[in-house]
């Protein structure tokens, strides 16, 4: 089941697996104004253990999408030099 939260006008899709949140990588890339979620993950050197392809309902039907867990999200935000990354990191830590 998909859950959503809004961050500064951006919708972020979250799936809970074994009580752990997994964030849609595309949504995080959109917040950081990056076009390619796979490259975002690769540049931050995120381990494959923190990334999953999960079947997700989209307008085009069910598709396997890249999701990252909280540890990967924090790694991406720590690696990013964009102002939005530090704001999102602070927001996540306080919510």
C-alpha atoms as a PDB file:
ATOM      1  CA  UNK A   1       0.000   0.000   0.000  1.00  0.00           C
ATOM      2  CA  UNK A   2       1.300   3.448  -0.930  1.00  0.00           C
ATOM      3  CA  UNK A   3       1.334   6.295   1.527  1.00  0.00           C
ATOM      4  CA  UNK A   4       2.207   9.850   0.622  1.00  0.00           C
ATOM      5  CA  UNK A   5       3.541  12.925   2.309  1.00  0.00           C
ATOM      6  CA  UNK A   6       4.037  16.388   0.936  1.00  0.00           C
ATOM      7  CA  UNK A   7       7.265  18.289   1.249  1.00  0.00           C
ATOM      8  CA  UNK A   8       7.255  21.887   0.006  1.00  0.00           C
ATOM      9  CA  UNK A   9       4.717  21.082  -2.705  1.00  0.00           C
ATOM     10  CA  UNK A  10       6.362  17.791  -3.735  1.00  0.00           C
ATOM     11  CA  UNK A  11       4.514  14.518  -3.197  1.00  0.00           C
ATOM     12  CA  UNK A  12       6.676  11.681  -1.865  1.00  0.00           C
ATOM     13  CA  UNK A  13       5.460   8.095  -2.183  1.00  0.00           C
ATOM     14  CA  UNK A  14       6.321   5.821   0.728  1.00  0.00           C
ATOM     15  CA  UNK A  15       5.763   2.079   1.040  1.00  0.00           C
ATOM     16  CA  UNK A  16       6.132   0.348   4.386  1.00  0.00           C
ATOM     17  CA  UNK A  17       7.861  -3.031   4.310  1.00  0.00           C
ATOM     18  CA  UNK A  18       8.428  -4.870   7.594  1.00  0.00           C
ATOM     19  CA  UNK A  19       7.631  -1.649   9.492  1.00  0.00           C
ATOM     20  CA  UNK A  20      10.354   0.223   7.565  1.00  0.00           C
ATOM     21  CA  UNK A  21       9.602   3.155   5.236  1.00  0.00           C
ATOM     22  CA  UNK A  22      10.833   2.912   1.629  1.00  0.00           C
ATOM     23  CA  UNK A  23      10.796   6.147  -0.387  1.00  0.00           C
ATOM     24  CA  UNK A  24      10.195   6.347  -4.125  1.00  0.00           C
ATOM     25  CA  UNK A  25      13.589   7.388  -5.522  1.00  0.00           C
ATOM     26  CA  UNK A  26      11.981   9.348  -8.370  1.00  0.00           C
ATOM     27  CA  UNK A  27      10.168  11.586  -5.868  1.00  0.00           C
ATOM     28  CA  UNK A  28      13.389  12.284  -3.948  1.00  0.00           C
ATOM     29  CA  UNK A  29      15.190  13.051  -7.235  1.00  0.00           C
ATOM     30  CA  UNK A  30      12.389  15.490  -8.138  1.00  0.00           C
ATOM     31  CA  UNK A  31      12.814  17.349  -4.835  1.00  0.00           C
ATOM     32  CA  UNK A  32      16.558  17.616  -5.464  1.00  0.00           C
ATOM     33  CA  UNK A  33      15.886  18.680  -9.084  1.00  0.00           C
ATOM     34  CA  UNK A  34      17.674  15.643 -10.494  1.00  0.00           C
ATOM     35  CA  UNK A  35      16.410  13.890 -13.619  1.00  0.00           C
ATOM     36  CA  UNK A  36      17.751  10.374 -13.088  1.00  0.00           C
ATOM     37  CA  UNK A  37      17.044   8.521  -9.802  1.00  0.00           C
ATOM     38  CA  UNK A  38      19.414   5.680 -10.740  1.00  0.00           C
ATOM     39  CA  UNK A  39      22.301   8.107 -11.215  1.00  0.00           C
ATOM     40  CA  UNK A  40      21.410   9.832  -7.937  1.00  0.00           C
ATOM     41  CA  UNK A  41      21.731   6.474  -6.148  1.00  0.00           C
ATOM     42  CA  UNK A  42      24.912   5.542  -8.007  1.00  0.00           C
ATOM     43  CA  UNK A  43      26.667   8.881  -7.362  1.00  0.00           C
ATOM     44  CA  UNK A  44      25.900   8.646  -3.637  1.00  0.00           C
ATOM     45  CA  UNK A  45      27.405   5.115  -3.663  1.00  0.00           C
ATOM     46  CA  UNK A  46      24.328   3.564  -2.044  1.00  0.00           C
ATOM     47  CA  UNK A  47      24.572  -0.179  -1.437  1.00  0.00           C
ATOM     48  CA  UNK A  48      22.176  -2.386  -3.396  1.00  0.00           C
ATOM     49  CA  UNK A  49      20.892  -3.652  -0.024  1.00  0.00           C
ATOM     50  CA  UNK A  50      19.244  -0.288   0.570  1.00  0.00           C
ATOM     51  CA  UNK A  51      17.505  -0.157  -2.825  1.00  0.00           C
ATOM     52  CA  UNK A  52      14.529  -2.214  -4.055  1.00  0.00           C
ATOM     53  CA  UNK A  53      12.348  -2.396  -7.128  1.00  0.00           C
ATOM     54  CA  UNK A  54       8.752  -2.485  -5.937  1.00  0.00           C
ATOM     55  CA  UNK A  55       5.619  -2.904  -8.052  1.00  0.00           C
ATOM     56  CA  UNK A  56       3.768   0.396  -7.880  1.00  0.00           C
ATOM     57  CA  UNK A  57       0.444   1.521  -9.332  1.00  0.00           C
ATOM     58  CA  UNK A  58       1.028   4.357 -11.791  1.00  0.00           C
ATOM     59  CA  UNK A  59      -1.116   6.113 -14.387  1.00  0.00           C
ATOM     60  CA  UNK A  60       0.374   3.713 -16.942  1.00  0.00           C
ATOM     61  CA  UNK A  61      -0.520   0.660 -14.840  1.00  0.00           C
ATOM     62  CA  UNK A  62       1.584  -1.339 -12.401  1.00  0.00           C
ATOM     63  CA  UNK A  63       5.326  -0.762 -12.850  1.00  0.00           C
ATOM     64  CA  UNK A  64       8.447  -1.737 -10.919  1.00  0.00           C
ATOM     65  CA  UNK A  65       9.881   1.450  -9.448  1.00  0.00           C
ATOM     66  CA  UNK A  66      13.088   2.118  -7.486  1.00  0.00           C
ATOM     67  CA  UNK A  67      12.630   2.667  -3.764  1.00  0.00           C
ATOM     68  CA  UNK A  68      15.247   3.517  -1.166  1.00  0.00           C
ATOM     69  CA  UNK A  69      15.169   2.964   2.564  1.00  0.00           C
ATOM     70  CA  UNK A  70      15.846   5.643   5.167  1.00  0.00           C
ATOM     71  CA  UNK A  71      19.565   4.847   5.378  1.00  0.00           C
ATOM     72  CA  UNK A  72      19.908   5.313   1.607  1.00  0.00           C
ATOM     73  CA  UNK A  73      17.870   8.521   1.757  1.00  0.00           C
ATOM     74  CA  UNK A  74      20.158   9.909   4.449  1.00  0.00           C
ATOM     75  CA  UNK A  75      23.211   8.897   2.387  1.00  0.00           C
ATOM     76  CA  UNK A  76      21.856  10.664  -0.683  1.00  0.00           C
ATOM     77  CA  UNK A  77      21.052  13.797   1.300  1.00  0.00           C
ATOM     78  CA  UNK A  78      24.488  13.780   2.963  1.00  0.00           C
ATOM     79  CA  UNK A  79      26.158  13.392  -0.441  1.00  0.00           C
ATOM     80  CA  UNK A  80      24.145  16.130  -2.138  1.00  0.00           C
ATOM     81  CA  UNK A  81      25.415  19.697  -2.117  1.00  0.00           C
ATOM     82  CA  UNK A  82      22.019  21.166  -2.971  1.00  0.00           C
ATOM     83  CA  UNK A  83      20.322  23.465  -0.458  1.00  0.00           C
ATOM     84  CA  UNK A  84      17.122  21.447  -0.713  1.00  0.00           C
ATOM     85  CA  UNK A  85      19.002  18.367   0.544  1.00  0.00           C
ATOM     86  CA  UNK A  86      19.919  19.980   3.856  1.00  0.00           C
ATOM     87  CA  UNK A  87      16.377  21.332   4.257  1.00  0.00           C
ATOM     88  CA  UNK A  88      14.857  17.905   3.528  1.00  0.00           C
ATOM     89  CA  UNK A  89      17.329  16.199   5.901  1.00  0.00           C
ATOM     90  CA  UNK A  90      16.340  18.598   8.690  1.00  0.00           C
ATOM     91  CA  UNK A  91      12.630  18.142   7.938  1.00  0.00           C
ATOM     92  CA  UNK A  92      12.886  14.325   7.995  1.00  0.00           C
ATOM     93  CA  UNK A  93      14.825  14.319  11.262  1.00  0.00           C
ATOM     94  CA  UNK A  94      12.122  16.432  12.905  1.00  0.00           C
ATOM     95  CA  UNK A  95       9.071  14.546  11.599  1.00  0.00           C
END
